[in-house]
Amino acid sequence: MSFNALMVEKDDEGKTHAAVTQIELDQLPDGNVTVAVEYSTVNYKDGLCIGPGGGLVRNYPHIPGIDMAGVVESSDDPRYAKGDKVLLTGWRYGEVHWGGYAQKTRVNADWLVALPDGLSTRQAMAVGTAGFTAMQSVMALEAHGLKPANGPVLVTGAAGGVGSVATAILANLGYEVAGVTGRPETADYLKSLGASQIVAREEINETVKRPLESEMWAGCIDAVGGAMLARVLGQMKYGASVASVGLAGGAGLPATVIPFLLRGVNLLGIDSVMHPYENRVAVWKRVATDLPMDKLEDMVVPATLSDLPKLGADILKGQVKGRVVVDVNA
């Protein structure tokens, strides 16, 4: 039985090429659960896997897509039965293992999570790894004492996938949200998600000579890293925390230890790839209750498998707004 997939191949000159092609079920890698995929999405890692050079991919040919949601077709694991709705994020799926940009996938049952009550497969992929990471970040900040009464929370890269979901969740929970964006045209979009303040990227994207500035932010979810993260650390309130989730602005951190020593600032690393199963279930339950579905729908940009080569390039350039939902059967 043949089905469609976005296949990335590498030629003799080392260049990669992505195109929708048909493959057979017996070409799928080993796994104990086969899923009929309904939706996937587009993340920064997907752009790296689709684009020239292949980024994170070790072996070709390769099917990218680090997220998927669908219905179990067959299972050799007692935890899942035919007809169960499931989702998958993390575990190097779509990087090392063939991913969700196909109408069918075969995976390890340990990687799956049952679709939470209150979410459809489409909504789950509107959330995807980006939204899952955003919820993780909110929970980490809460665990370190963040409350709405503490003051405004800064979200960098606010118009991107993580930032959009983080903004909507925080606003829904009663926080005052300040969204950082380098795209002025996204200001109305961010306000519609609940941001009460828009901060232009150029206002906060440079390090300063002073390691400490005025205390401004009660918390921060940072998807940028680099110089912006260094600057933000010096603007945090006493005892406040920053959840670090990305490096769109670079992996370096040109900062000093002064914010940690004199203000007790916490820098929290957020990993969504190897996150334990029990914690994944808890995060998805919070997504289902704390993310307003009308706001989620406002973020959605629909796409098909044939749109992915362009979208992969666009997300690497910071040109994708909100959450792309890929209908693999369209």
C-alpha atoms as a PDB file:
ATOM      1  CA  MET A   1       0.000   0.000   0.000  1.00  0.00           C
ATOM      2  CA  SER A   2       1.540   3.289  -1.089  1.00  0.00           C
ATOM      3  CA  PHE A   3       1.063   6.672   0.578  1.00  0.00           C
ATOM      4  CA  ASN A   4       2.428  10.211   0.384  1.00  0.00           C
ATOM      5  CA  ALA A   5       5.437  11.507   2.275  1.00  0.00           C
ATOM      6  CA  LEU A   6       7.807  14.449   2.079  1.00  0.00           C
ATOM      7  CA  MET A   7      11.131  12.777   1.329  1.00  0.00           C
ATOM      8  CA  VAL A   8      14.458  14.557   1.669  1.00  0.00           C
ATOM      9  CA  GLU A   9      17.302  13.062  -0.365  1.00  0.00           C
ATOM     10  CA  LYS A  10      20.952  14.014  -0.762  1.00  0.00           C
ATOM     11  CA  ASP A  11      22.674  13.942  -4.159  1.00  0.00           C
ATOM     12  CA  ASP A  12      26.267  13.031  -4.988  1.00  0.00           C
ATOM     13  CA  GLU A  13      27.344  16.649  -4.507  1.00  0.00           C
ATOM     14  CA  GLY A  14      25.990  16.721  -0.958  1.00  0.00           C
ATOM     15  CA  LYS A  15      22.982  18.896  -1.758  1.00  0.00           C
ATOM     16  CA  THR A  16      19.587  17.987  -0.333  1.00  0.00           C
ATOM     17  CA  HIS A  17      16.280  18.043  -2.165  1.00  0.00           C
ATOM     18  CA  ALA A  18      12.796  17.725  -0.631  1.00  0.00           C
ATOM     19  CA  ALA A  19       9.738  16.588  -2.562  1.00  0.00           C
ATOM     20  CA  VAL A  20       6.440  14.796  -1.983  1.00  0.00           C
ATOM     21  CA  THR A  21       6.708  11.202  -3.139  1.00  0.00           C
ATOM     22  CA  GLN A  22       4.939   7.901  -2.655  1.00  0.00           C
ATOM     23  CA  ILE A  23       6.414   5.181  -0.468  1.00  0.00           C
ATOM     24  CA  GLU A  24       5.336   1.733   0.708  1.00  0.00           C
ATOM     25  CA  LEU A  25       4.420   0.660   4.231  1.00  0.00           C
ATOM     26  CA  ASP A  26       7.308  -1.811   4.360  1.00  0.00           C
ATOM     27  CA  GLN A  27       9.747   1.074   3.834  1.00  0.00           C
ATOM     28  CA  LEU A  28       8.907   2.534   7.239  1.00  0.00           C
ATOM     29  CA  PRO A  29      11.479   1.978  10.004  1.00  0.00           C
ATOM     30  CA  ASP A  30      10.986  -0.508  12.824  1.00  0.00           C
ATOM     31  CA  GLY A  31       8.516   0.253  15.602  1.00  0.00           C
ATOM     32  CA  ASN A  32       5.692  -1.410  17.495  1.00  0.00           C
ATOM     33  CA  VAL A  33       2.897   1.046  16.685  1.00  0.00           C
ATOM     34  CA  THR A  34       1.734   2.150  13.227  1.00  0.00           C
ATOM     35  CA  VAL A  35      -0.213   5.407  13.091  1.00  0.00           C
ATOM     36  CA  ALA A  36      -2.306   6.957  10.338  1.00  0.00           C
ATOM     37  CA  VAL A  37      -1.071  10.536  10.580  1.00  0.00           C
ATOM     38  CA  GLU A  38      -3.667  13.287  10.346  1.00  0.00           C
ATOM     39  CA  TYR A  39      -1.689  16.435  11.134  1.00  0.00           C
ATOM     40  CA  SER A  40       1.845  17.663  11.702  1.00  0.00           C
ATOM     41  CA  THR A  41       3.343  21.126  12.046  1.00  0.00           C
ATOM     42  CA  VAL A  42       6.458  23.180  11.265  1.00  0.00           C
ATOM     43  CA  ASN A  43       9.194  23.910  13.796  1.00  0.00           C
ATOM     44  CA  TYR A  44      12.646  25.463  13.503  1.00  0.00           C
ATOM     45  CA  LYS A  45      14.182  21.975  13.602  1.00  0.00           C
ATOM     46  CA  ASP A  46      11.981  20.959  10.674  1.00  0.00           C
ATOM     47  CA  GLY A  47      13.427  23.835   8.670  1.00  0.00           C
ATOM     48  CA  LEU A  48      16.920  22.573   9.437  1.00  0.00           C
ATOM     49  CA  CYS A  49      15.988  19.037   8.365  1.00  0.00           C
ATOM     50  CA  ILE A  50      14.316  20.124   5.128  1.00  0.00           C
ATOM     51  CA  GLY A  51      16.805  22.788   4.080  1.00  0.00           C
ATOM     52  CA  PRO A  52      20.102  22.617   2.200  1.00  0.00           C
ATOM     53  CA  GLY A  53      22.680  20.560   4.049  1.00  0.00           C
ATOM     54  CA  GLY A  54      20.046  18.699   6.033  1.00  0.00           C
ATOM     55  CA  GLY A  55      20.945  20.206   9.391  1.00  0.00           C
ATOM     56  CA  LEU A  56      20.090  17.563  11.975  1.00  0.00           C
ATOM     57  CA  VAL A  57      19.660  14.591   9.628  1.00  0.00           C
ATOM     58  CA  ARG A  58      22.174  11.745   9.864  1.00  0.00           C
ATOM     59  CA  ASN A  59      20.981   9.344   7.177  1.00  0.00           C
ATOM     60  CA  TYR A  60      19.226   9.759   3.819  1.00  0.00           C
ATOM     61  CA  PRO A  61      16.654   9.409   2.437  1.00  0.00           C
ATOM     62  CA  HIS A  62      14.751  10.966   5.319  1.00  0.00           C
ATOM     63  CA  ILE A  63      11.198  11.983   6.244  1.00  0.00           C
ATOM     64  CA  PRO A  64      11.230  15.081   8.522  1.00  0.00           C
ATOM     65  CA  GLY A  65       8.474  16.282  10.851  1.00  0.00           C
ATOM     66  CA  ILE A  66       9.248  16.315  14.577  1.00  0.00           C
ATOM     67  CA  ASP A  67       5.545  16.295  15.556  1.00  0.00           C
ATOM     68  CA  MET A  68       2.526  14.254  14.550  1.00  0.00           C
ATOM     69  CA  ALA A  69      -1.001  13.445  15.695  1.00  0.00           C
ATOM     70  CA  GLY A  70      -3.190  10.711  14.322  1.00  0.00           C
ATOM     71  CA  VAL A  71      -5.000   7.414  14.861  1.00  0.00           C
ATOM     72  CA  VAL A  72      -3.429   4.056  15.702  1.00  0.00           C
ATOM     73  CA  GLU A  73      -3.753   1.585  12.837  1.00  0.00           C
ATOM     74  CA  SER A  74      -1.976  -1.341  14.498  1.00  0.00           C
ATOM     75  CA  SER A  75      -0.120  -1.924  17.738  1.00  0.00           C
ATOM     76  CA  ASP A  76       2.006  -4.645  19.316  1.00  0.00           C
ATOM     77  CA  ASP A  77       1.986  -2.717  22.601  1.00  0.00           C
ATOM     78  CA  PRO A  78      -0.871  -3.219  25.102  1.00  0.00           C
ATOM     79  CA  ARG A  79      -0.995   0.513  25.913  1.00  0.00           C
ATOM     80  CA  TYR A  80      -2.413   1.375  22.490  1.00  0.00           C
ATOM     81  CA  ALA A  81      -5.119  -0.221  20.376  1.00  0.00           C
ATOM     82  CA  LYS A  82      -6.446   0.321  16.876  1.00  0.00           C
ATOM     83  CA  GLY A  83      -8.505   3.511  16.787  1.00  0.00           C
ATOM     84  CA  ASP A  84      -6.733   5.254  19.674  1.00  0.00           C
ATOM     85  CA  LYS A  85      -5.880   8.895  19.033  1.00  0.00           C
ATOM     86  CA  VAL A  86      -2.266   9.724  19.849  1.00  0.00           C
ATOM     87  CA  LEU A  87       0.359  12.416  19.460  1.00  0.00           C
ATOM     88  CA  LEU A  88       4.135  12.472  19.394  1.00  0.00           C
ATOM     89  CA  THR A  89       6.667  15.204  20.083  1.00  0.00           C
ATOM     90  CA  GLY A  90      10.347  14.859  20.938  1.00  0.00           C
ATOM     91  CA  TRP A  91      12.555  11.751  21.171  1.00  0.00           C
ATOM     92  CA  ARG A  92      14.537  12.806  18.047  1.00  0.00           C
ATOM     93  CA  TYR A  93      11.510  11.871  15.934  1.00  0.00           C
ATOM     94  CA  GLY A  94      11.814  13.585  12.555  1.00  0.00           C
ATOM     95  CA  GLU A  95      15.558  14.027  13.131  1.00  0.00           C
ATOM     96  CA  VAL A  96      17.094  10.569  13.615  1.00  0.00           C
ATOM     97  CA  HIS A  97      13.899   8.563  13.141  1.00  0.00           C
ATOM     98  CA  TRP A  98      11.567   9.128  10.176  1.00  0.00           C
ATOM     99  CA  GLY A  99       8.972  11.715  11.175  1.00  0.00           C
ATOM    100  CA  GLY A 100       5.459  12.986  10.721  1.00  0.00           C
ATOM    101  CA  TYR A 101       5.544  14.446   7.203  1.00  0.00           C
ATOM    102  CA  ALA A 102       3.842  11.330   5.860  1.00  0.00           C
ATOM    103  CA  GLN A 103       0.391   9.802   5.831  1.00  0.00           C
ATOM    104  CA  LYS A 104       1.637   6.891   7.933  1.00  0.00           C
ATOM    105  CA  THR A 105       4.374   6.448  10.505  1.00  0.00           C
ATOM    106  CA  ARG A 106       5.772   3.564  12.571  1.00  0.00           C
ATOM    107  CA  VAL A 107       7.165   4.415  16.005  1.00  0.00           C
ATOM    108  CA  ASN A 108       8.140   3.176  19.448  1.00  0.00           C
ATOM    109  CA  ALA A 109       5.112   3.134  21.768  1.00  0.00           C
ATOM    110  CA  ASP A 110       7.191   4.752  24.523  1.00  0.00           C
ATOM    111  CA  TRP A 111       7.263   7.975  22.498  1.00  0.00           C
ATOM    112  CA  LEU A 112       3.491   8.328  22.228  1.00  0.00           C
ATOM    113  CA  VAL A 113       1.030  10.201  24.420  1.00  0.00           C
ATOM    114  CA  ALA A 114      -2.708   9.593  24.298  1.00  0.00           C
ATOM    115  CA  LEU A 115      -4.533  12.610  22.939  1.00  0.00           C
ATOM    116  CA  PRO A 116      -5.760  14.599  25.971  1.00  0.00           C
ATOM    117  CA  ASP A 117      -9.471  15.089  26.541  1.00  0.00           C
ATOM    118  CA  GLY A 118     -10.610  18.366  25.053  1.00  0.00           C
ATOM    119  CA  LEU A 119      -8.090  18.416  22.193  1.00  0.00           C
ATOM    120  CA  SER A 120      -8.532  17.288  18.590  1.00  0.00           C
ATOM    121  CA  THR A 121      -5.585  16.007  16.561  1.00  0.00           C
ATOM    122  CA  ARG A 122      -5.631  19.283  14.626  1.00  0.00           C
ATOM    123  CA  GLN A 123      -5.539  21.346  17.813  1.00  0.00           C
ATOM    124  CA  ALA A 124      -2.744  19.178  19.196  1.00  0.00           C
ATOM    125  CA  MET A 125      -0.615  20.046  16.185  1.00  0.00           C
ATOM    126  CA  ALA A 126      -1.558  23.699  16.398  1.00  0.00           C
ATOM    127  CA  VAL A 127       0.136  23.359  19.779  1.00  0.00           C
ATOM    128  CA  GLY A 128       2.922  20.980  18.710  1.00  0.00           C
ATOM    129  CA  THR A 129       6.438  21.036  20.134  1.00  0.00           C
ATOM    130  CA  ALA A 130       6.421  24.833  20.207  1.00  0.00           C
ATOM    131  CA  GLY A 131       3.279  25.063  22.316  1.00  0.00           C
ATOM    132  CA  PHE A 132       4.323  22.127  24.474  1.00  0.00           C
ATOM    133  CA  THR A 133       7.586  23.965  25.177  1.00  0.00           C
ATOM    134  CA  ALA A 134       5.670  27.153  25.972  1.00  0.00           C
ATOM    135  CA  MET A 135       3.526  25.307  28.527  1.00  0.00           C
ATOM    136  CA  GLN A 136       6.621  23.684  30.027  1.00  0.00           C
ATOM    137  CA  SER A 137       8.115  27.149  30.410  1.00  0.00           C
ATOM    138  CA  VAL A 138       5.063  28.571  32.157  1.00  0.00           C
ATOM    139  CA  MET A 139       5.023  25.607  34.544  1.00  0.00           C
ATOM    140  CA  ALA A 140       8.748  26.019  35.284  1.00  0.00           C
ATOM    141  CA  LEU A 141       8.294  29.722  36.051  1.00  0.00           C
ATOM    142  CA  GLU A 142       5.331  28.930  38.299  1.00  0.00           C
ATOM    143  CA  ALA A 143       7.396  26.300  40.133  1.00  0.00           C
ATOM    144  CA  HIS A 144       9.936  29.046  40.851  1.00  0.00           C
ATOM    145  CA  GLY A 145       7.352  31.377  42.361  1.00  0.00           C
ATOM    146  CA  LEU A 146       5.862  33.311  39.444  1.00  0.00           C
ATOM    147  CA  LYS A 147       2.373  34.682  40.126  1.00  0.00           C
ATOM    148  CA  PRO A 148       0.313  37.281  38.240  1.00  0.00           C
ATOM    149  CA  ALA A 149       0.704  39.737  41.134  1.00  0.00           C
ATOM    150  CA  ASN A 150       4.507  39.698  40.730  1.00  0.00           C
ATOM    151  CA  GLY A 151       4.430  41.943  37.667  1.00  0.00           C
ATOM    152  CA  PRO A 152       4.796  41.767  33.882  1.00  0.00           C
ATOM    153  CA  VAL A 153       6.225  38.734  32.105  1.00  0.00           C
ATOM    154  CA  LEU A 154       8.413  39.232  29.034  1.00  0.00           C
ATOM    155  CA  VAL A 155       8.101  36.904  26.032  1.00  0.00           C
ATOM    156  CA  THR A 156      10.832  37.217  23.408  1.00  0.00           C
ATOM    157  CA  GLY A 157      10.252  36.071  19.842  1.00  0.00           C
ATOM    158  CA  ALA A 158       6.623  36.574  20.738  1.00  0.00           C
ATOM    159  CA  ALA A 159       5.158  36.196  17.231  1.00  0.00           C
ATOM    160  CA  GLY A 160       6.823  32.815  16.687  1.00  0.00           C
ATOM    161  CA  GLY A 161       5.437  29.414  17.641  1.00  0.00           C
ATOM    162  CA  VAL A 162       6.629  29.248  21.253  1.00  0.00           C
ATOM    163  CA  GLY A 163       6.015  32.940  21.823  1.00  0.00           C
ATOM    164  CA  SER A 164       2.479  32.927  20.422  1.00  0.00           C
ATOM    165  CA  VAL A 165       1.323  30.064  22.620  1.00  0.00           C
ATOM    166  CA  ALA A 166       3.172  31.411  25.669  1.00  0.00           C
ATOM    167  CA  THR A 167       1.523  34.805  25.236  1.00  0.00           C
ATOM    168  CA  ALA A 168      -1.956  33.287  24.971  1.00  0.00           C
ATOM    169  CA  ILE A 169      -1.460  30.981  27.980  1.00  0.00           C
ATOM    170  CA  LEU A 170       0.028  33.668  30.225  1.00  0.00           C
ATOM    171  CA  ALA A 171      -2.685  36.185  29.359  1.00  0.00           C
ATOM    172  CA  ASN A 172      -5.368  33.572  29.963  1.00  0.00           C
ATOM    173  CA  LEU A 173      -3.883  32.887  33.416  1.00  0.00           C
ATOM    174  CA  GLY A 174      -4.094  36.572  34.314  1.00  0.00           C
ATOM    175  CA  TYR A 175      -0.520  37.682  33.674  1.00  0.00           C
ATOM    176  CA  GLU A 176       0.462  41.006  32.156  1.00  0.00           C
ATOM    177  CA  VAL A 177       2.437  40.048  29.045  1.00  0.00           C
ATOM    178  CA  ALA A 178       5.036  42.113  27.196  1.00  0.00           C
ATOM    179  CA  GLY A 179       5.817  40.665  23.775  1.00  0.00           C
ATOM    180  CA  VAL A 180       9.113  41.303  22.000  1.00  0.00           C
ATOM    181  CA  THR A 181       9.013  41.283  18.204  1.00  0.00           C
ATOM    182  CA  GLY A 182      11.153  42.501  15.353  1.00  0.00           C
ATOM    183  CA  ARG A 183       8.128  42.627  13.056  1.00  0.00           C
ATOM    184  CA  PRO A 184       5.980  45.696  13.782  1.00  0.00           C
ATOM    185  CA  GLU A 185       3.196  44.288  11.608  1.00  0.00           C
ATOM    186  CA  THR A 186       2.617  41.529  14.213  1.00  0.00           C
ATOM    187  CA  ALA A 187       1.683  43.967  17.002  1.00  0.00           C
ATOM    188  CA  ASP A 188      -2.075  43.626  16.471  1.00  0.00           C
ATOM    189  CA  TYR A 189      -1.738  39.853  16.281  1.00  0.00           C
ATOM    190  CA  LEU A 190       0.097  39.748  19.624  1.00  0.00           C
ATOM    191  CA  LYS A 191      -2.457  42.039  21.238  1.00  0.00           C
ATOM    192  CA  SER A 192      -5.216  39.727  20.016  1.00  0.00           C
ATOM    193  CA  LEU A 193      -3.475  36.889  21.886  1.00  0.00           C
ATOM    194  CA  GLY A 194      -3.465  38.949  25.069  1.00  0.00           C
ATOM    195  CA  ALA A 195      -0.204  40.917  25.048  1.00  0.00           C
ATOM    196  CA  SER A 196      -0.665  44.227  26.841  1.00  0.00           C
ATOM    197  CA  GLN A 197       2.676  45.691  25.790  1.00  0.00           C
ATOM    198  CA  ILE A 198       4.739  45.413  22.595  1.00  0.00           C
ATOM    199  CA  VAL A 199       8.514  45.776  22.885  1.00  0.00           C
ATOM    200  CA  ALA A 200      10.460  46.454  19.681  1.00  0.00           C
ATOM    201  CA  ARG A 201      13.339  44.037  19.234  1.00  0.00           C
ATOM    202  CA  GLU A 202      15.873  46.824  18.692  1.00  0.00           C
ATOM    203  CA  GLU A 203      15.084  48.199  22.155  1.00  0.00           C
ATOM    204  CA  ILE A 204      16.339  45.059  23.866  1.00  0.00           C
ATOM    205  CA  ASN A 205      18.606  43.292  21.390  1.00  0.00           C
ATOM    206  CA  GLU A 206      21.944  44.703  22.494  1.00  0.00           C
ATOM    207  CA  THR A 207      24.089  44.066  25.521  1.00  0.00           C
ATOM    208  CA  VAL A 208      24.946  47.053  27.684  1.00  0.00           C
ATOM    209  CA  LYS A 209      27.976  47.925  29.753  1.00  0.00           C
ATOM    210  CA  ARG A 210      25.981  47.849  32.990  1.00  0.00           C
ATOM    211  CA  PRO A 211      25.337  44.284  34.168  1.00  0.00           C
ATOM    212  CA  LEU A 212      22.196  45.451  36.003  1.00  0.00           C
ATOM    213  CA  GLU A 213      19.437  47.771  34.847  1.00  0.00           C
ATOM    214  CA  SER A 214      16.142  48.765  36.434  1.00  0.00           C
ATOM    215  CA  GLU A 215      14.086  45.794  37.644  1.00  0.00           C
ATOM    216  CA  MET A 216      11.364  45.406  35.016  1.00  0.00           C
ATOM    217  CA  TRP A 217      10.239  41.818  34.543  1.00  0.00           C
ATOM    218  CA  ALA A 218       8.788  39.299  36.994  1.00  0.00           C
ATOM    219  CA  GLY A 219       9.539  36.467  34.586  1.00  0.00           C
ATOM    220  CA  CYS A 220      10.596  35.796  31.017  1.00  0.00           C
ATOM    221  CA  ILE A 221      10.179  33.111  28.375  1.00  0.00           C
ATOM    222  CA  ASP A 222      13.087  33.562  25.993  1.00  0.00           C
ATOM    223  CA  ALA A 223      13.166  31.948  22.557  1.00  0.00           C
ATOM    224  CA  VAL A 224      16.014  34.100  21.232  1.00  0.00           C
ATOM    225  CA  GLY A 225      19.118  33.663  23.388  1.00  0.00           C
ATOM    226  CA  GLY A 226      22.314  35.516  22.523  1.00  0.00           C
ATOM    227  CA  ALA A 227      22.644  39.218  23.251  1.00  0.00           C
ATOM    228  CA  MET A 228      18.935  39.613  23.959  1.00  0.00           C
ATOM    229  CA  LEU A 229      18.978  37.020  26.725  1.00  0.00           C
ATOM    230  CA  ALA A 230      22.069  38.672  28.227  1.00  0.00           C
ATOM    231  CA  ARG A 231      20.279  42.021  28.259  1.00  0.00           C
ATOM    232  CA  VAL A 232      17.097  40.564  29.748  1.00  0.00           C
ATOM    233  CA  LEU A 233      18.975  38.942  32.639  1.00  0.00           C
ATOM    234  CA  GLY A 234      19.999  42.405  33.816  1.00  0.00           C
ATOM    235  CA  GLN A 235      16.382  43.613  33.742  1.00  0.00           C
ATOM    236  CA  MET A 236      14.815  40.875  35.854  1.00  0.00           C
ATOM    237  CA  LYS A 237      13.277  41.593  39.237  1.00  0.00           C
ATOM    238  CA  TYR A 238      14.887  40.219  42.373  1.00  0.00           C
ATOM    239  CA  GLY A 239      14.486  36.431  42.539  1.00  0.00           C
ATOM    240  CA  ALA A 240      12.792  36.277  39.134  1.00  0.00           C
ATOM    241  CA  SER A 241      13.360  33.505  36.588  1.00  0.00           C
ATOM    242  CA  VAL A 242      14.009  33.264  32.854  1.00  0.00           C
ATOM    243  CA  ALA A 243      12.948  30.110  30.967  1.00  0.00           C
ATOM    244  CA  SER A 244      15.408  29.598  28.110  1.00  0.00           C
ATOM    245  CA  VAL A 245      13.826  27.736  25.194  1.00  0.00           C
ATOM    246  CA  GLY A 246      15.647  28.750  22.004  1.00  0.00           C
ATOM    247  CA  LEU A 247      18.624  30.269  20.264  1.00  0.00           C
ATOM    248  CA  ALA A 248      17.307  32.141  17.245  1.00  0.00           C
ATOM    249  CA  GLY A 249      19.655  34.998  18.196  1.00  0.00           C
ATOM    250  CA  GLY A 250      22.666  32.751  18.697  1.00  0.00           C
ATOM    251  CA  ALA A 251      24.010  30.145  21.101  1.00  0.00           C
ATOM    252  CA  GLY A 252      26.474  32.482  22.793  1.00  0.00           C
ATOM    253  CA  LEU A 253      25.606  34.271  26.013  1.00  0.00           C
ATOM    254  CA  PRO A 254      27.605  37.513  26.385  1.00  0.00           C
ATOM    255  CA  ALA A 255      26.551  38.056  29.995  1.00  0.00           C
ATOM    256  CA  THR A 256      28.062  38.336  33.478  1.00  0.00           C
ATOM    257  CA  VAL A 257      27.164  36.410  36.630  1.00  0.00           C
ATOM    258  CA  ILE A 258      26.115  39.632  38.378  1.00  0.00           C
ATOM    259  CA  PRO A 259      22.320  39.168  37.911  1.00  0.00           C
ATOM    260  CA  PHE A 260      22.596  35.725  39.501  1.00  0.00           C
ATOM    261  CA  LEU A 261      24.723  36.902  42.422  1.00  0.00           C
ATOM    262  CA  LEU A 262      23.146  40.256  43.262  1.00  0.00           C
ATOM    263  CA  ARG A 263      19.494  39.657  42.324  1.00  0.00           C
ATOM    264  CA  GLY A 264      19.163  35.921  42.709  1.00  0.00           C
ATOM    265  CA  VAL A 265      17.966  35.582  39.112  1.00  0.00           C
ATOM    266  CA  ASN A 266      17.326  32.017  37.914  1.00  0.00           C
ATOM    267  CA  LEU A 267      18.070  30.808  34.380  1.00  0.00           C
ATOM    268  CA  LEU A 268      15.928  27.739  33.685  1.00  0.00           C
ATOM    269  CA  GLY A 269      16.788  25.432  30.804  1.00  0.00           C
ATOM    270  CA  ILE A 270      13.735  23.965  29.038  1.00  0.00           C
ATOM    271  CA  ASP A 271      14.150  20.693  27.131  1.00  0.00           C
ATOM    272  CA  SER A 272      11.161  19.224  25.310  1.00  0.00           C
ATOM    273  CA  VAL A 273      12.972  16.414  23.474  1.00  0.00           C
ATOM    274  CA  MET A 274      13.777  13.922  26.247  1.00  0.00           C
ATOM    275  CA  HIS A 275      11.111  15.122  28.684  1.00  0.00           C
ATOM    276  CA  PRO A 276       9.879  12.107  30.754  1.00  0.00           C
ATOM    277  CA  TYR A 277       6.535  10.538  29.904  1.00  0.00           C
ATOM    278  CA  GLU A 278       4.751  11.346  33.171  1.00  0.00           C
ATOM    279  CA  ASN A 279       5.716  15.002  32.863  1.00  0.00           C
ATOM    280  CA  ARG A 280       4.576  15.057  29.221  1.00  0.00           C
ATOM    281  CA  VAL A 281       1.123  13.898  30.260  1.00  0.00           C
ATOM    282  CA  ALA A 282       0.974  16.633  32.923  1.00  0.00           C
ATOM    283  CA  VAL A 283       2.050  19.314  30.425  1.00  0.00           C
ATOM    284  CA  TRP A 284      -0.537  18.238  27.847  1.00  0.00           C
ATOM    285  CA  LYS A 285      -3.269  18.277  30.487  1.00  0.00           C
ATOM    286  CA  ARG A 286      -2.340  21.866  31.325  1.00  0.00           C
ATOM    287  CA  VAL A 287      -2.384  22.763  27.621  1.00  0.00           C
ATOM    288  CA  ALA A 288      -5.926  21.410  27.327  1.00  0.00           C
ATOM    289  CA  THR A 289      -7.141  23.532  30.262  1.00  0.00           C
ATOM    290  CA  ASP A 290      -4.994  26.696  30.137  1.00  0.00           C
ATOM    291  CA  LEU A 291      -4.687  27.476  26.432  1.00  0.00           C
ATOM    292  CA  PRO A 292      -7.817  29.223  25.118  1.00  0.00           C
ATOM    293  CA  MET A 293      -8.858  27.352  21.983  1.00  0.00           C
ATOM    294  CA  ASP A 294     -10.192  30.474  20.257  1.00  0.00           C
ATOM    295  CA  LYS A 295      -6.771  32.087  20.613  1.00  0.00           C
ATOM    296  CA  LEU A 296      -5.123  28.899  19.355  1.00  0.00           C
ATOM    297  CA  GLU A 297      -7.288  28.992  16.245  1.00  0.00           C
ATOM    298  CA  ASP A 298      -6.211  32.580  15.607  1.00  0.00           C
ATOM    299  CA  MET A 299      -2.593  31.389  15.414  1.00  0.00           C
ATOM    300  CA  VAL A 300      -3.198  28.659  12.831  1.00  0.00           C
ATOM    301  CA  VAL A 301      -1.769  28.836   9.323  1.00  0.00           C
ATOM    302  CA  PRO A 302      -2.975  25.817   7.277  1.00  0.00           C
ATOM    303  CA  ALA A 303      -0.570  23.935   5.008  1.00  0.00           C
ATOM    304  CA  THR A 304      -0.106  20.715   3.040  1.00  0.00           C
ATOM    305  CA  LEU A 305       2.887  18.460   2.399  1.00  0.00           C
ATOM    306  CA  SER A 306       3.678  20.290  -0.836  1.00  0.00           C
ATOM    307  CA  ASP A 307       3.980  23.601   1.059  1.00  0.00           C
ATOM    308  CA  LEU A 308       6.726  22.295   3.341  1.00  0.00           C
ATOM    309  CA  PRO A 309       9.894  23.012   1.326  1.00  0.00           C
ATOM    310  CA  LYS A 310       9.045  26.728   1.249  1.00  0.00           C
ATOM    311  CA  LEU A 311       7.827  26.802   4.852  1.00  0.00           C
ATOM    312  CA  GLY A 312      11.015  25.101   5.981  1.00  0.00           C
ATOM    313  CA  ALA A 313      13.054  27.881   4.411  1.00  0.00           C
ATOM    314  CA  ASP A 314      10.723  30.584   5.747  1.00  0.00           C
ATOM    315  CA  ILE A 315      10.916  29.483   9.374  1.00  0.00           C
ATOM    316  CA  LEU A 316      14.724  29.601   9.282  1.00  0.00           C
ATOM    317  CA  LYS A 317      14.432  33.234   8.176  1.00  0.00           C
ATOM    318  CA  GLY A 318      11.991  34.095  10.961  1.00  0.00           C
ATOM    319  CA  GLN A 319       9.191  34.606   8.452  1.00  0.00           C
ATOM    320  CA  VAL A 320       6.608  32.219   9.904  1.00  0.00           C
ATOM    321  CA  LYS A 321       3.980  33.682  12.240  1.00  0.00           C
ATOM    322  CA  GLY A 322       1.993  31.625  14.696  1.00  0.00           C
ATOM    323  CA  ARG A 323       1.470  27.888  14.268  1.00  0.00           C
ATOM    324  CA  VAL A 324       1.510  26.096  10.933  1.00  0.00           C
ATOM    325  CA  VAL A 325      -0.802  23.062  10.882  1.00  0.00           C
ATOM    326  CA  VAL A 326       0.029  20.584   8.135  1.00  0.00           C
ATOM    327  CA  ASP A 327      -2.822  18.402   6.891  1.00  0.00           C
ATOM    328  CA  VAL A 328      -0.823  15.471   5.504  1.00  0.00           C
ATOM    329  CA  ASN A 329      -3.872  14.057   3.707  1.00  0.00           C
ATOM    330  CA  ALA A 330      -4.877  17.226   1.848  1.00  0.00           C
END
